[in-house]
Amino acid sequence: MAELSVTPSIVVTIGCHSRLYYAFVTSAPSRLDAPSTVTLYAAPRSDVARFAADDIALDADPVPTCARLVLVDATEFSWQRAKYRGAQHVLAPADAGLVGANTLQHWLWQRLRRPTPDDVDT
């Protein structure tokens, strides 16, 4: 679990339920996400790579041109990592200096405020 100890995190509480989420940079498409994984930012790999703690984390992944900053539920971390790695995608810890708790909170609020496609159609 040393990988998680250096990864930025945020606790999300809804009602009486709290969940711990860790921030990662990944090259994996969202179809490989666990149900509770949240995409905070998606962009070309060169834009998202700057959020990774390891500067060359996404360079090891030669195929994808897109990357994402995601929040992964701590209880689903092992499953999520195996799923991404099984499909040969990177899951790298985010840089705590660039993606601290305040930044995660701000981006999560922005994500929650965004209308979904269902909201736009009605």
PDB file of N, CA and C in Angstrom:
ATOM      1  N   MET A   1       0.804  -1.200   0.000  1.00  0.00           N
ATOM      2  CA  MET A   1       0.000   0.000   0.000  1.00  0.00           C
ATOM      3  C   MET A   1       0.848   1.266   0.000  1.00  0.00           C
ATOM      4  N   ALA A   2       2.139   1.178  -0.216  1.00  0.00           N
ATOM      5  CA  ALA A   2       2.989   2.364  -0.251  1.00  0.00           C
ATOM      6  C   ALA A   2       2.553   3.304  -1.366  1.00  0.00           C
ATOM      7  N   GLU A   3       2.044   2.748  -2.474  1.00  0.00           N
ATOM      8  CA  GLU A   3       1.593   3.565  -3.596  1.00  0.00           C
ATOM      9  C   GLU A   3       0.474   4.504  -3.159  1.00  0.00           C
ATOM     10  N   LEU A   4      -0.421   4.064  -2.302  1.00  0.00           N
ATOM     11  CA  LEU A   4      -1.528   4.892  -1.856  1.00  0.00           C
ATOM     12  C   LEU A   4      -1.102   5.935  -0.839  1.00  0.00           C
ATOM     13  N   SER A   5      -0.058   5.675  -0.079  1.00  0.00           N
ATOM     14  CA  SER A   5       0.335   6.613   0.965  1.00  0.00           C
ATOM     15  C   SER A   5       0.850   7.933   0.402  1.00  0.00           C
ATOM     16  N   VAL A   6       1.328   7.957  -0.826  1.00  0.00           N
ATOM     17  CA  VAL A   6       1.836   9.191  -1.432  1.00  0.00           C
ATOM     18  C   VAL A   6       0.854   9.785  -2.435  1.00  0.00           C
ATOM     19  N   THR A   7      -0.257   9.139  -2.626  1.00  0.00           N
ATOM     20  CA  THR A   7      -1.247   9.576  -3.604  1.00  0.00           C
ATOM     21  C   THR A   7      -2.220  10.553  -2.956  1.00  0.00           C
ATOM     22  N   PRO A   8      -2.508  11.687  -3.618  1.00  0.00           N
ATOM     23  CA  PRO A   8      -3.487  12.620  -3.061  1.00  0.00           C
ATOM     24  C   PRO A   8      -4.837  11.930  -2.874  1.00  0.00           C
ATOM     25  N   SER A   9      -5.563  12.351  -1.838  1.00  0.00           N
ATOM     26  CA  SER A   9      -6.846  11.718  -1.568  1.00  0.00           C
ATOM     27  C   SER A   9      -7.865  12.741  -1.096  1.00  0.00           C
ATOM     28  N   ILE A  10      -9.126  12.322  -1.117  1.00  0.00           N
ATOM     29  CA  ILE A  10     -10.230  13.138  -0.646  1.00  0.00           C
ATOM     30  C   ILE A  10     -11.280  12.202  -0.056  1.00  0.00           C
ATOM     31  N   VAL A  11     -11.880  12.636   1.043  1.00  0.00           N
ATOM     32  CA  VAL A  11     -12.977  11.889   1.648  1.00  0.00           C
ATOM     33  C   VAL A  11     -14.277  12.532   1.197  1.00  0.00           C
ATOM     34  N   VAL A  12     -15.180  11.713   0.678  1.00  0.00           N
ATOM     35  CA  VAL A  12     -16.481  12.186   0.224  1.00  0.00           C
ATOM     36  C   VAL A  12     -17.536  11.597   1.151  1.00  0.00           C
ATOM     37  N   THR A  13     -18.343  12.482   1.736  1.00  0.00           N
ATOM     38  CA  THR A  13     -19.401  12.045   2.649  1.00  0.00           C
ATOM     39  C   THR A  13     -20.748  12.452   2.088  1.00  0.00           C
ATOM     40  N   ILE A  14     -21.621  11.470   1.963  1.00  0.00           N
ATOM     41  CA  ILE A  14     -22.999  11.706   1.549  1.00  0.00           C
ATOM     42  C   ILE A  14     -23.872  11.075   2.620  1.00  0.00           C
ATOM     43  N   GLY A  15     -24.619  11.928   3.314  1.00  0.00           N
ATOM     44  CA  GLY A  15     -25.409  11.424   4.436  1.00  0.00           C
ATOM     45  C   GLY A  15     -24.482  10.888   5.505  1.00  0.00           C
ATOM     46  N   CYS A  16     -24.704   9.649   5.913  1.00  0.00           N
ATOM     47  CA  CYS A  16     -23.852   9.057   6.942  1.00  0.00           C
ATOM     48  C   CYS A  16     -22.798   8.106   6.352  1.00  0.00           C
ATOM     49  N   HIS A  17     -22.644   8.120   5.044  1.00  0.00           N
ATOM     50  CA  HIS A  17     -21.666   7.260   4.382  1.00  0.00           C
ATOM     51  C   HIS A  17     -20.478   8.077   3.880  1.00  0.00           C
ATOM     52  N   SER A  18     -19.282   7.647   4.231  1.00  0.00           N
ATOM     53  CA  SER A  18     -18.058   8.303   3.776  1.00  0.00           C
ATOM     54  C   SER A  18     -17.225   7.324   2.974  1.00  0.00           C
ATOM     55  N   ARG A  19     -16.606   7.841   1.924  1.00  0.00           N
ATOM     56  CA  ARG A  19     -15.709   7.029   1.091  1.00  0.00           C
ATOM     57  C   ARG A  19     -14.410   7.791   0.887  1.00  0.00           C
ATOM     58  N   LEU A  20     -13.308   7.073   0.861  1.00  0.00           N
ATOM     59  CA  LEU A  20     -12.002   7.645   0.595  1.00  0.00           C
ATOM     60  C   LEU A  20     -11.658   7.392  -0.864  1.00  0.00           C
ATOM     61  N   TYR A  21     -11.316   8.453  -1.577  1.00  0.00           N
ATOM     62  CA  TYR A  21     -10.936   8.359  -2.982  1.00  0.00           C
ATOM     63  C   TYR A  21      -9.500   8.825  -3.150  1.00  0.00           C
ATOM     64  N   TYR A  22      -8.758   8.146  -4.028  1.00  0.00           N
ATOM     65  CA  TYR A  22      -7.388   8.511  -4.354  1.00  0.00           C
ATOM     66  C   TYR A  22      -7.332   9.041  -5.777  1.00  0.00           C
ATOM     67  N   ALA A  23      -6.451  10.021  -6.004  1.00  0.00           N
ATOM     68  CA  ALA A  23      -6.308  10.640  -7.320  1.00  0.00           C
ATOM     69  C   ALA A  23      -5.189   9.963  -8.110  1.00  0.00           C
ATOM     70  N   PHE A  24      -5.521   9.597  -9.336  1.00  0.00           N
ATOM     71  CA  PHE A  24      -4.565   8.958 -10.233  1.00  0.00           C
ATOM     72  C   PHE A  24      -4.672   9.542 -11.628  1.00  0.00           C
ATOM     73  N   VAL A  25      -3.607   9.380 -12.380  1.00  0.00           N
ATOM     74  CA  VAL A  25      -3.594   9.693 -13.800  1.00  0.00           C
ATOM     75  C   VAL A  25      -3.595   8.356 -14.525  1.00  0.00           C
ATOM     76  N   THR A  26      -4.449   8.239 -15.527  1.00  0.00           N
ATOM     77  CA  THR A  26      -4.540   6.977 -16.265  1.00  0.00           C
ATOM     78  C   THR A  26      -4.691   7.220 -17.753  1.00  0.00           C
ATOM     79  N   SER A  27      -4.261   6.256 -18.498  1.00  0.00           N
ATOM     80  CA  SER A  27      -4.449   6.267 -19.947  1.00  0.00           C
ATOM     81  C   SER A  27      -5.636   5.400 -20.347  1.00  0.00           C
ATOM     82  N   ALA A  28      -6.272   4.768 -19.369  1.00  0.00           N
ATOM     83  CA  ALA A  28      -7.374   3.834 -19.644  1.00  0.00           C
ATOM     84  C   ALA A  28      -8.652   4.565 -20.051  1.00  0.00           C
ATOM     85  N   PRO A  29      -9.414   3.974 -20.952  1.00  0.00           N
ATOM     86  CA  PRO A  29     -10.714   4.559 -21.301  1.00  0.00           C
ATOM     87  C   PRO A  29     -11.710   4.337 -20.164  1.00  0.00           C
ATOM     88  N   SER A  30     -12.727   5.160 -20.104  1.00  0.00           N
ATOM     89  CA  SER A  30     -13.692   5.085 -19.010  1.00  0.00           C
ATOM     90  C   SER A  30     -14.472   3.776 -18.985  1.00  0.00           C
ATOM     91  N   ARG A  31     -14.526   3.059 -20.096  1.00  0.00           N
ATOM     92  CA  ARG A  31     -15.250   1.783 -20.106  1.00  0.00           C
ATOM     93  C   ARG A  31     -14.599   0.740 -19.191  1.00  0.00           C
ATOM     94  N   LEU A  32     -13.348   0.989 -18.775  1.00  0.00           N
ATOM     95  CA  LEU A  32     -12.661   0.073 -17.858  1.00  0.00           C
ATOM     96  C   LEU A  32     -12.801   0.494 -16.393  1.00  0.00           C
ATOM     97  N   ASP A  33     -13.535   1.571 -16.137  1.00  0.00           N
ATOM     98  CA  ASP A  33     -13.682   2.088 -14.778  1.00  0.00           C
ATOM     99  C   ASP A  33     -14.626   1.251 -13.929  1.00  0.00           C
ATOM    100  N   ALA A  34     -14.324   1.231 -12.638  1.00  0.00           N
ATOM    101  CA  ALA A  34     -15.266   0.692 -11.657  1.00  0.00           C
ATOM    102  C   ALA A  34     -16.441   1.666 -11.586  1.00  0.00           C
ATOM    103  N   PRO A  35     -17.603   1.208 -11.136  1.00  0.00           N
ATOM    104  CA  PRO A  35     -18.777   2.093 -11.095  1.00  0.00           C
ATOM    105  C   PRO A  35     -18.569   3.377 -10.296  1.00  0.00           C
ATOM    106  N   SER A  36     -17.754   3.359  -9.261  1.00  0.00           N
ATOM    107  CA  SER A  36     -17.578   4.551  -8.444  1.00  0.00           C
ATOM    108  C   SER A  36     -16.382   5.416  -8.849  1.00  0.00           C
ATOM    109  N   THR A  37     -15.649   5.029  -9.879  1.00  0.00           N
ATOM    110  CA  THR A  37     -14.532   5.847 -10.348  1.00  0.00           C
ATOM    111  C   THR A  37     -15.074   7.107 -11.011  1.00  0.00           C
ATOM    112  N   VAL A  38     -14.462   8.253 -10.684  1.00  0.00           N
ATOM    113  CA  VAL A  38     -14.924   9.546 -11.185  1.00  0.00           C
ATOM    114  C   VAL A  38     -13.821  10.187 -12.013  1.00  0.00           C
ATOM    115  N   THR A  39     -14.147  10.582 -13.234  1.00  0.00           N
ATOM    116  CA  THR A  39     -13.202  11.316 -14.062  1.00  0.00           C
ATOM    117  C   THR A  39     -13.320  12.796 -13.731  1.00  0.00           C
ATOM    118  N   LEU A  40     -12.210  13.397 -13.297  1.00  0.00           N
ATOM    119  CA  LEU A  40     -12.204  14.823 -12.986  1.00  0.00           C
ATOM    120  C   LEU A  40     -11.755  15.654 -14.182  1.00  0.00           C
ATOM    121  N   TYR A  41     -10.868  15.074 -14.997  1.00  0.00           N
ATOM    122  CA  TYR A  41     -10.300  15.830 -16.113  1.00  0.00           C
ATOM    123  C   TYR A  41      -9.857  14.841 -17.179  1.00  0.00           C
ATOM    124  N   ALA A  42     -10.229  15.112 -18.410  1.00  0.00           N
ATOM    125  CA  ALA A  42      -9.802  14.289 -19.550  1.00  0.00           C
ATOM    126  C   ALA A  42      -9.299  15.233 -20.628  1.00  0.00           C
ATOM    127  N   ALA A  43      -8.155  14.879 -21.208  1.00  0.00           N
ATOM    128  CA  ALA A  43      -7.533  15.743 -22.212  1.00  0.00           C
ATOM    129  C   ALA A  43      -6.456  14.941 -22.935  1.00  0.00           C
ATOM    130  N   PRO A  44      -5.798  15.560 -23.913  1.00  0.00           N
ATOM    131  CA  PRO A  44      -4.666  14.874 -24.549  1.00  0.00           C
ATOM    132  C   PRO A  44      -3.630  14.475 -23.493  1.00  0.00           C
ATOM    133  N   ARG A  45      -2.963  13.397 -23.765  1.00  0.00           N
ATOM    134  CA  ARG A  45      -2.003  12.837 -22.811  1.00  0.00           C
ATOM    135  C   ARG A  45      -0.981  13.866 -22.346  1.00  0.00           C
ATOM    136  N   SER A  46      -0.508  14.714 -23.232  1.00  0.00           N
ATOM    137  CA  SER A  46       0.505  15.700 -22.859  1.00  0.00           C
ATOM    138  C   SER A  46      -0.023  16.700 -21.828  1.00  0.00           C
ATOM    139  N   ASP A  47      -1.320  17.001 -21.852  1.00  0.00           N
ATOM    140  CA  ASP A  47      -1.907  17.921 -20.880  1.00  0.00           C
ATOM    141  C   ASP A  47      -2.114  17.262 -19.523  1.00  0.00           C
ATOM    142  N   VAL A  48      -2.523  16.012 -19.519  1.00  0.00           N
ATOM    143  CA  VAL A  48      -2.823  15.313 -18.268  1.00  0.00           C
ATOM    144  C   VAL A  48      -1.552  14.798 -17.597  1.00  0.00           C
ATOM    145  N   ALA A  49      -0.532  14.492 -18.364  1.00  0.00           N
ATOM    146  CA  ALA A  49       0.706  13.918 -17.815  1.00  0.00           C
ATOM    147  C   ALA A  49       1.349  14.814 -16.769  1.00  0.00           C
ATOM    148  N   ARG A  50       1.145  16.107 -16.859  1.00  0.00           N
ATOM    149  CA  ARG A  50       1.758  17.022 -15.889  1.00  0.00           C
ATOM    150  C   ARG A  50       1.205  16.821 -14.476  1.00  0.00           C
ATOM    151  N   PHE A  51       0.041  16.179 -14.341  1.00  0.00           N
ATOM    152  CA  PHE A  51      -0.546  15.932 -13.027  1.00  0.00           C
ATOM    153  C   PHE A  51       0.003  14.670 -12.368  1.00  0.00           C
ATOM    154  N   ALA A  52       0.769  13.881 -13.080  1.00  0.00           N
ATOM    155  CA  ALA A  52       1.318  12.644 -12.527  1.00  0.00           C
ATOM    156  C   ALA A  52       2.527  12.936 -11.647  1.00  0.00           C
ATOM    157  N   ALA A  53       2.656  12.193 -10.554  1.00  0.00           N
ATOM    158  CA  ALA A  53       3.797  12.353  -9.651  1.00  0.00           C
ATOM    159  C   ALA A  53       5.093  11.972 -10.352  1.00  0.00           C
ATOM    160  N   ASP A  54       5.024  11.000 -11.245  1.00  0.00           N
ATOM    161  CA  ASP A  54       6.176  10.536 -12.013  1.00  0.00           C
ATOM    162  C   ASP A  54       6.064  11.119 -13.416  1.00  0.00           C
ATOM    163  N   ASP A  55       7.005  11.974 -13.782  1.00  0.00           N
ATOM    164  CA  ASP A  55       6.948  12.667 -15.070  1.00  0.00           C
ATOM    165  C   ASP A  55       6.866  11.738 -16.276  1.00  0.00           C
ATOM    166  N   ILE A  56       7.424  10.558 -16.149  1.00  0.00           N
ATOM    167  CA  ILE A  56       7.437   9.663 -17.305  1.00  0.00           C
ATOM    168  C   ILE A  56       6.391   8.560 -17.216  1.00  0.00           C
ATOM    169  N   ALA A  57       5.475   8.654 -16.282  1.00  0.00           N
ATOM    170  CA  ALA A  57       4.478   7.600 -16.068  1.00  0.00           C
ATOM    171  C   ALA A  57       3.694   7.284 -17.333  1.00  0.00           C
ATOM    172  N   LEU A  58       3.234   8.285 -18.042  1.00  0.00           N
ATOM    173  CA  LEU A  58       2.432   8.037 -19.238  1.00  0.00           C
ATOM    174  C   LEU A  58       3.289   7.795 -20.476  1.00  0.00           C
ATOM    175  N   ASP A  59       4.570   8.134 -20.411  1.00  0.00           N
ATOM    176  CA  ASP A  59       5.457   7.865 -21.548  1.00  0.00           C
ATOM    177  C   ASP A  59       5.630   6.364 -21.765  1.00  0.00           C
ATOM    178  N   ALA A  60       5.427   5.576 -20.718  1.00  0.00           N
ATOM    179  CA  ALA A  60       5.568   4.123 -20.818  1.00  0.00           C
ATOM    180  C   ALA A  60       4.409   3.502 -21.587  1.00  0.00           C
ATOM    181  N   ASP A  61       3.380   4.281 -21.851  1.00  0.00           N
ATOM    182  CA  ASP A  61       2.182   3.795 -22.530  1.00  0.00           C
ATOM    183  C   ASP A  61       2.173   4.370 -23.948  1.00  0.00           C
ATOM    184  N   PRO A  62       2.643   3.610 -24.941  1.00  0.00           N
ATOM    185  CA  PRO A  62       2.843   4.156 -26.271  1.00  0.00           C
ATOM    186  C   PRO A  62       1.583   4.379 -27.106  1.00  0.00           C
ATOM    187  N   VAL A  63       0.472   3.747 -26.766  1.00  0.00           N
ATOM    188  CA  VAL A  63      -0.689   3.769 -27.647  1.00  0.00           C
ATOM    189  C   VAL A  63      -1.638   4.953 -27.445  1.00  0.00           C
ATOM    190  N   PRO A  64      -2.146   5.175 -26.254  1.00  0.00           N
ATOM    191  CA  PRO A  64      -3.211   6.159 -26.136  1.00  0.00           C
ATOM    192  C   PRO A  64      -2.755   7.596 -26.370  1.00  0.00           C
ATOM    193  N   THR A  65      -3.653   8.382 -26.920  1.00  0.00           N
ATOM    194  CA  THR A  65      -3.388   9.793 -27.123  1.00  0.00           C
ATOM    195  C   THR A  65      -4.146  10.623 -26.099  1.00  0.00           C
ATOM    196  N   CYS A  66      -5.032   9.981 -25.347  1.00  0.00           N
ATOM    197  CA  CYS A  66      -5.846  10.653 -24.344  1.00  0.00           C
ATOM    198  C   CYS A  66      -5.491  10.110 -22.965  1.00  0.00           C
ATOM    199  N   ALA A  67      -5.700  10.932 -21.953  1.00  0.00           N
ATOM    200  CA  ALA A  67      -5.472  10.492 -20.577  1.00  0.00           C
ATOM    201  C   ALA A  67      -6.485  11.199 -19.684  1.00  0.00           C
ATOM    202  N   ARG A  68      -6.581  10.718 -18.436  1.00  0.00           N
ATOM    203  CA  ARG A  68      -7.561  11.278 -17.505  1.00  0.00           C
ATOM    204  C   ARG A  68      -6.987  11.371 -16.101  1.00  0.00           C
ATOM    205  N   LEU A  69      -7.474  12.338 -15.359  1.00  0.00           N
ATOM    206  CA  LEU A  69      -7.245  12.412 -13.929  1.00  0.00           C
ATOM    207  C   LEU A  69      -8.504  11.846 -13.294  1.00  0.00           C
ATOM    208  N   VAL A  70      -8.359  10.781 -12.498  1.00  0.00           N
ATOM    209  CA  VAL A  70      -9.523  10.094 -11.946  1.00  0.00           C
ATOM    210  C   VAL A  70      -9.427   9.961 -10.433  1.00  0.00           C
ATOM    211  N   LEU A  71     -10.589   9.821  -9.817  1.00  0.00           N
ATOM    212  CA  LEU A  71     -10.680   9.475  -8.404  1.00  0.00           C
ATOM    213  C   LEU A  71     -11.107   8.018  -8.325  1.00  0.00           C
ATOM    214  N   VAL A  72     -10.334   7.213  -7.598  1.00  0.00           N
ATOM    215  CA  VAL A  72     -10.618   5.789  -7.448  1.00  0.00           C
ATOM    216  C   VAL A  72     -10.961   5.519  -5.990  1.00  0.00           C
ATOM    217  N   ASP A  73     -12.101   4.894  -5.762  1.00  0.00           N
ATOM    218  CA  ASP A  73     -12.537   4.515  -4.414  1.00  0.00           C
ATOM    219  C   ASP A  73     -11.497   3.566  -3.815  1.00  0.00           C
ATOM    220  N   ALA A  74     -11.072   3.858  -2.602  1.00  0.00           N
ATOM    221  CA  ALA A  74     -10.038   3.047  -1.948  1.00  0.00           C
ATOM    222  C   ALA A  74     -10.430   1.580  -1.858  1.00  0.00           C
ATOM    223  N   THR A  75     -11.726   1.297  -1.687  1.00  0.00           N
ATOM    224  CA  THR A  75     -12.156  -0.101  -1.572  1.00  0.00           C
ATOM    225  C   THR A  75     -12.094  -0.832  -2.908  1.00  0.00           C
ATOM    226  N   GLU A  76     -12.011  -0.084  -4.011  1.00  0.00           N
ATOM    227  CA  GLU A  76     -11.959  -0.686  -5.346  1.00  0.00           C
ATOM    228  C   GLU A  76     -10.593  -0.535  -6.006  1.00  0.00           C
ATOM    229  N   PHE A  77      -9.619  -0.011  -5.253  1.00  0.00           N
ATOM    230  CA  PHE A  77      -8.312   0.276  -5.852  1.00  0.00           C
ATOM    231  C   PHE A  77      -7.655  -0.957  -6.478  1.00  0.00           C
ATOM    232  N   SER A  78      -7.563  -2.053  -5.736  1.00  0.00           N
ATOM    233  CA  SER A  78      -6.887  -3.254  -6.253  1.00  0.00           C
ATOM    234  C   SER A  78      -7.555  -3.762  -7.522  1.00  0.00           C
ATOM    235  N   TRP A  79      -8.882  -3.787  -7.519  1.00  0.00           N
ATOM    236  CA  TRP A  79      -9.635  -4.236  -8.698  1.00  0.00           C
ATOM    237  C   TRP A  79      -9.386  -3.288  -9.867  1.00  0.00           C
ATOM    238  N   GLN A  80      -9.440  -1.968  -9.597  1.00  0.00           N
ATOM    239  CA  GLN A  80      -9.255  -0.979 -10.662  1.00  0.00           C
ATOM    240  C   GLN A  80      -7.858  -1.069 -11.255  1.00  0.00           C
ATOM    241  N   ARG A  81      -6.844  -1.186 -10.409  1.00  0.00           N
ATOM    242  CA  ARG A  81      -5.470  -1.301 -10.889  1.00  0.00           C
ATOM    243  C   ARG A  81      -5.301  -2.547 -11.753  1.00  0.00           C
ATOM    244  N   ALA A  82      -5.843  -3.671 -11.325  1.00  0.00           N
ATOM    245  CA  ALA A  82      -5.744  -4.915 -12.096  1.00  0.00           C
ATOM    246  C   ALA A  82      -6.445  -4.782 -13.447  1.00  0.00           C
ATOM    247  N   LYS A  83      -7.595  -4.140 -13.455  1.00  0.00           N
ATOM    248  CA  LYS A  83      -8.364  -3.954 -14.696  1.00  0.00           C
ATOM    249  C   LYS A  83      -7.577  -3.111 -15.691  1.00  0.00           C
ATOM    250  N   TYR A  84      -7.020  -1.993 -15.242  1.00  0.00           N
ATOM    251  CA  TYR A  84      -6.233  -1.126 -16.125  1.00  0.00           C
ATOM    252  C   TYR A  84      -4.967  -1.830 -16.606  1.00  0.00           C
ATOM    253  N   ARG A  85      -4.244  -2.432 -15.680  1.00  0.00           N
ATOM    254  CA  ARG A  85      -2.996  -3.104 -16.054  1.00  0.00           C
ATOM    255  C   ARG A  85      -3.253  -4.293 -16.972  1.00  0.00           C
ATOM    256  N   GLY A  86      -4.366  -4.998 -16.741  1.00  0.00           N
ATOM    257  CA  GLY A  86      -4.720  -6.125 -17.608  1.00  0.00           C
ATOM    258  C   GLY A  86      -4.955  -5.691 -19.041  1.00  0.00           C
ATOM    259  N   ALA A  87      -5.403  -4.471 -19.215  1.00  0.00           N
ATOM    260  CA  ALA A  87      -5.616  -3.919 -20.557  1.00  0.00           C
ATOM    261  C   ALA A  87      -4.408  -3.094 -21.005  1.00  0.00           C
ATOM    262  N   GLN A  88      -3.315  -3.186 -20.257  1.00  0.00           N
ATOM    263  CA  GLN A  88      -2.039  -2.532 -20.556  1.00  0.00           C
ATOM    264  C   GLN A  88      -2.137  -1.006 -20.564  1.00  0.00           C
ATOM    265  N   HIS A  89      -2.814  -0.475 -19.552  1.00  0.00           N
ATOM    266  CA  HIS A  89      -2.908   0.969 -19.372  1.00  0.00           C
ATOM    267  C   HIS A  89      -2.220   1.364 -18.077  1.00  0.00           C
ATOM    268  N   VAL A  90      -1.773   2.590 -18.028  1.00  0.00           N
ATOM    269  CA  VAL A  90      -1.072   3.129 -16.871  1.00  0.00           C
ATOM    270  C   VAL A  90      -2.071   3.622 -15.825  1.00  0.00           C
ATOM    271  N   LEU A  91      -1.742   3.408 -14.547  1.00  0.00           N
ATOM    272  CA  LEU A  91      -2.456   3.999 -13.421  1.00  0.00           C
ATOM    273  C   LEU A  91      -1.366   4.548 -12.514  1.00  0.00           C
ATOM    274  N   ALA A  92      -1.134   5.868 -12.610  1.00  0.00           N
ATOM    275  CA  ALA A  92      -0.033   6.502 -11.886  1.00  0.00           C
ATOM    276  C   ALA A  92      -0.573   7.457 -10.825  1.00  0.00           C
ATOM    277  N   PRO A  93       0.043   7.472  -9.646  1.00  0.00           N
ATOM    278  CA  PRO A  93      -0.391   8.420  -8.619  1.00  0.00           C
ATOM    279  C   PRO A  93      -0.279   9.855  -9.127  1.00  0.00           C
ATOM    280  N   ALA A  94      -1.236  10.674  -8.721  1.00  0.00           N
ATOM    281  CA  ALA A  94      -1.186  12.086  -9.065  1.00  0.00           C
ATOM    282  C   ALA A  94      -0.168  12.787  -8.169  1.00  0.00           C
ATOM    283  N   ASP A  95       0.300  13.921  -8.597  1.00  0.00           N
ATOM    284  CA  ASP A  95       1.261  14.722  -7.852  1.00  0.00           C
ATOM    285  C   ASP A  95       0.523  15.479  -6.740  1.00  0.00           C
ATOM    286  N   ALA A  96       0.882  15.212  -5.495  1.00  0.00           N
ATOM    287  CA  ALA A  96       0.203  15.841  -4.361  1.00  0.00           C
ATOM    288  C   ALA A  96       0.408  17.346  -4.322  1.00  0.00           C
ATOM    289  N   GLY A  97       1.479  17.839  -4.905  1.00  0.00           N
ATOM    290  CA  GLY A  97       1.715  19.277  -4.954  1.00  0.00           C
ATOM    291  C   GLY A  97       0.799  19.986  -5.927  1.00  0.00           C
ATOM    292  N   LEU A  98       0.449  19.317  -7.003  1.00  0.00           N
ATOM    293  CA  LEU A  98      -0.421  19.913  -8.019  1.00  0.00           C
ATOM    294  C   LEU A  98      -1.885  19.583  -7.805  1.00  0.00           C
ATOM    295  N   VAL A  99      -2.144  18.435  -7.225  1.00  0.00           N
ATOM    296  CA  VAL A  99      -3.518  17.962  -7.063  1.00  0.00           C
ATOM    297  C   VAL A  99      -3.766  17.660  -5.583  1.00  0.00           C
ATOM    298  N   GLY A 100      -3.759  18.696  -4.773  1.00  0.00           N
ATOM    299  CA  GLY A 100      -3.991  18.539  -3.348  1.00  0.00           C
ATOM    300  C   GLY A 100      -5.477  18.450  -3.031  1.00  0.00           C
ATOM    301  N   ALA A 101      -5.787  18.377  -1.760  1.00  0.00           N
ATOM    302  CA  ALA A 101      -7.174  18.214  -1.315  1.00  0.00           C
ATOM    303  C   ALA A 101      -8.072  19.353  -1.794  1.00  0.00           C
ATOM    304  N   ASN A 102      -7.595  20.598  -1.733  1.00  0.00           N
ATOM    305  CA  ASN A 102      -8.420  21.727  -2.175  1.00  0.00           C
ATOM    306  C   ASN A 102      -8.721  21.649  -3.670  1.00  0.00           C
ATOM    307  N   THR A 103      -7.728  21.278  -4.458  1.00  0.00           N
ATOM    308  CA  THR A 103      -7.924  21.133  -5.904  1.00  0.00           C
ATOM    309  C   THR A 103      -8.898  20.006  -6.200  1.00  0.00           C
ATOM    310  N   LEU A 104      -8.735  18.880  -5.528  1.00  0.00           N
ATOM    311  CA  LEU A 104      -9.651  17.752  -5.732  1.00  0.00           C
ATOM    312  C   LEU A 104     -11.080  18.142  -5.380  1.00  0.00           C
ATOM    313  N   GLN A 105     -11.246  18.851  -4.278  1.00  0.00           N
ATOM    314  CA  GLN A 105     -12.577  19.273  -3.864  1.00  0.00           C
ATOM    315  C   GLN A 105     -13.189  20.207  -4.902  1.00  0.00           C
ATOM    316  N   HIS A 106     -12.407  21.161  -5.382  1.00  0.00           N
ATOM    317  CA  HIS A 106     -12.902  22.108  -6.389  1.00  0.00           C
ATOM    318  C   HIS A 106     -13.318  21.376  -7.665  1.00  0.00           C
ATOM    319  N   TRP A 107     -12.451  20.491  -8.154  1.00  0.00           N
ATOM    320  CA  TRP A 107     -12.764  19.775  -9.397  1.00  0.00           C
ATOM    321  C   TRP A 107     -13.938  18.832  -9.218  1.00  0.00           C
ATOM    322  N   LEU A 108     -14.060  18.216  -8.059  1.00  0.00           N
ATOM    323  CA  LEU A 108     -15.190  17.318  -7.818  1.00  0.00           C
ATOM    324  C   LEU A 108     -16.493  18.115  -7.816  1.00  0.00           C
ATOM    325  N   TRP A 109     -16.500  19.286  -7.193  1.00  0.00           N
ATOM    326  CA  TRP A 109     -17.698  20.136  -7.228  1.00  0.00           C
ATOM    327  C   TRP A 109     -18.029  20.534  -8.662  1.00  0.00           C
ATOM    328  N   GLN A 110     -17.021  20.884  -9.439  1.00  0.00           N
ATOM    329  CA  GLN A 110     -17.257  21.233 -10.843  1.00  0.00           C
ATOM    330  C   GLN A 110     -17.853  20.053 -11.599  1.00  0.00           C
ATOM    331  N   ARG A 111     -17.352  18.878 -11.346  1.00  0.00           N
ATOM    332  CA  ARG A 111     -17.845  17.662 -12.004  1.00  0.00           C
ATOM    333  C   ARG A 111     -19.296  17.380 -11.624  1.00  0.00           C
ATOM    334  N   LEU A 112     -19.633  17.582 -10.360  1.00  0.00           N
ATOM    335  CA  LEU A 112     -20.993  17.325  -9.904  1.00  0.00           C
ATOM    336  C   LEU A 112     -21.983  18.349 -10.445  1.00  0.00           C
ATOM    337  N   ARG A 113     -21.527  19.533 -10.741  1.00  0.00           N
ATOM    338  CA  ARG A 113     -22.402  20.586 -11.269  1.00  0.00           C
ATOM    339  C   ARG A 113     -22.655  20.470 -12.763  1.00  0.00           C
ATOM    340  N   ARG A 114     -21.797  19.725 -13.453  1.00  0.00           N
ATOM    341  CA  ARG A 114     -21.946  19.578 -14.907  1.00  0.00           C
ATOM    342  C   ARG A 114     -23.224  18.826 -15.249  1.00  0.00           C
ATOM    343  N   PRO A 115     -24.009  19.328 -16.194  1.00  0.00           N
ATOM    344  CA  PRO A 115     -25.207  18.571 -16.568  1.00  0.00           C
ATOM    345  C   PRO A 115     -24.832  17.277 -17.289  1.00  0.00           C
ATOM    346  N   THR A 116     -25.612  16.262 -17.051  1.00  0.00           N
ATOM    347  CA  THR A 116     -25.414  14.999 -17.756  1.00  0.00           C
ATOM    348  C   THR A 116     -26.154  15.051 -19.082  1.00  0.00           C
ATOM    349  N   PRO A 117     -25.854  14.171 -20.033  1.00  0.00           N
ATOM    350  CA  PRO A 117     -26.598  14.156 -21.297  1.00  0.00           C
ATOM    351  C   PRO A 117     -28.099  14.003 -21.090  1.00  0.00           C
ATOM    352  N   ASP A 118     -28.509  13.252 -20.062  1.00  0.00           N
ATOM    353  CA  ASP A 118     -29.935  13.073 -19.781  1.00  0.00           C
ATOM    354  C   ASP A 118     -30.597  14.391 -19.372  1.00  0.00           C
ATOM    355  N   ASP A 119     -29.857  15.232 -18.597  1.00  0.00           N
ATOM    356  CA  ASP A 119     -30.394  16.520 -18.169  1.00  0.00           C
ATOM    357  C   ASP A 119     -30.571  17.467 -19.340  1.00  0.00           C
ATOM    358  N   VAL A 120     -29.681  17.410 -20.299  1.00  0.00           N
ATOM    359  CA  VAL A 120     -29.725  18.315 -21.447  1.00  0.00           C
ATOM    360  C   VAL A 120     -30.880  17.976 -22.361  1.00  0.00           C
ATOM    361  N   ASP A 121     -31.202  16.687 -22.499  1.00  0.00           N
ATOM    362  CA  ASP A 121     -32.263  16.236 -23.411  1.00  0.00           C
ATOM    363  C   ASP A 121     -33.653  16.547 -22.890  1.00  0.00           C
ATOM    364  N   THR A 122     -33.823  16.729 -21.594  1.00  0.00           N
ATOM    365  CA  THR A 122     -35.174  16.930 -21.054  1.00  0.00           C
ATOM    366  C   THR A 122     -35.555  18.374 -20.973  1.00  0.00           C
TER     367      THR A 122
END
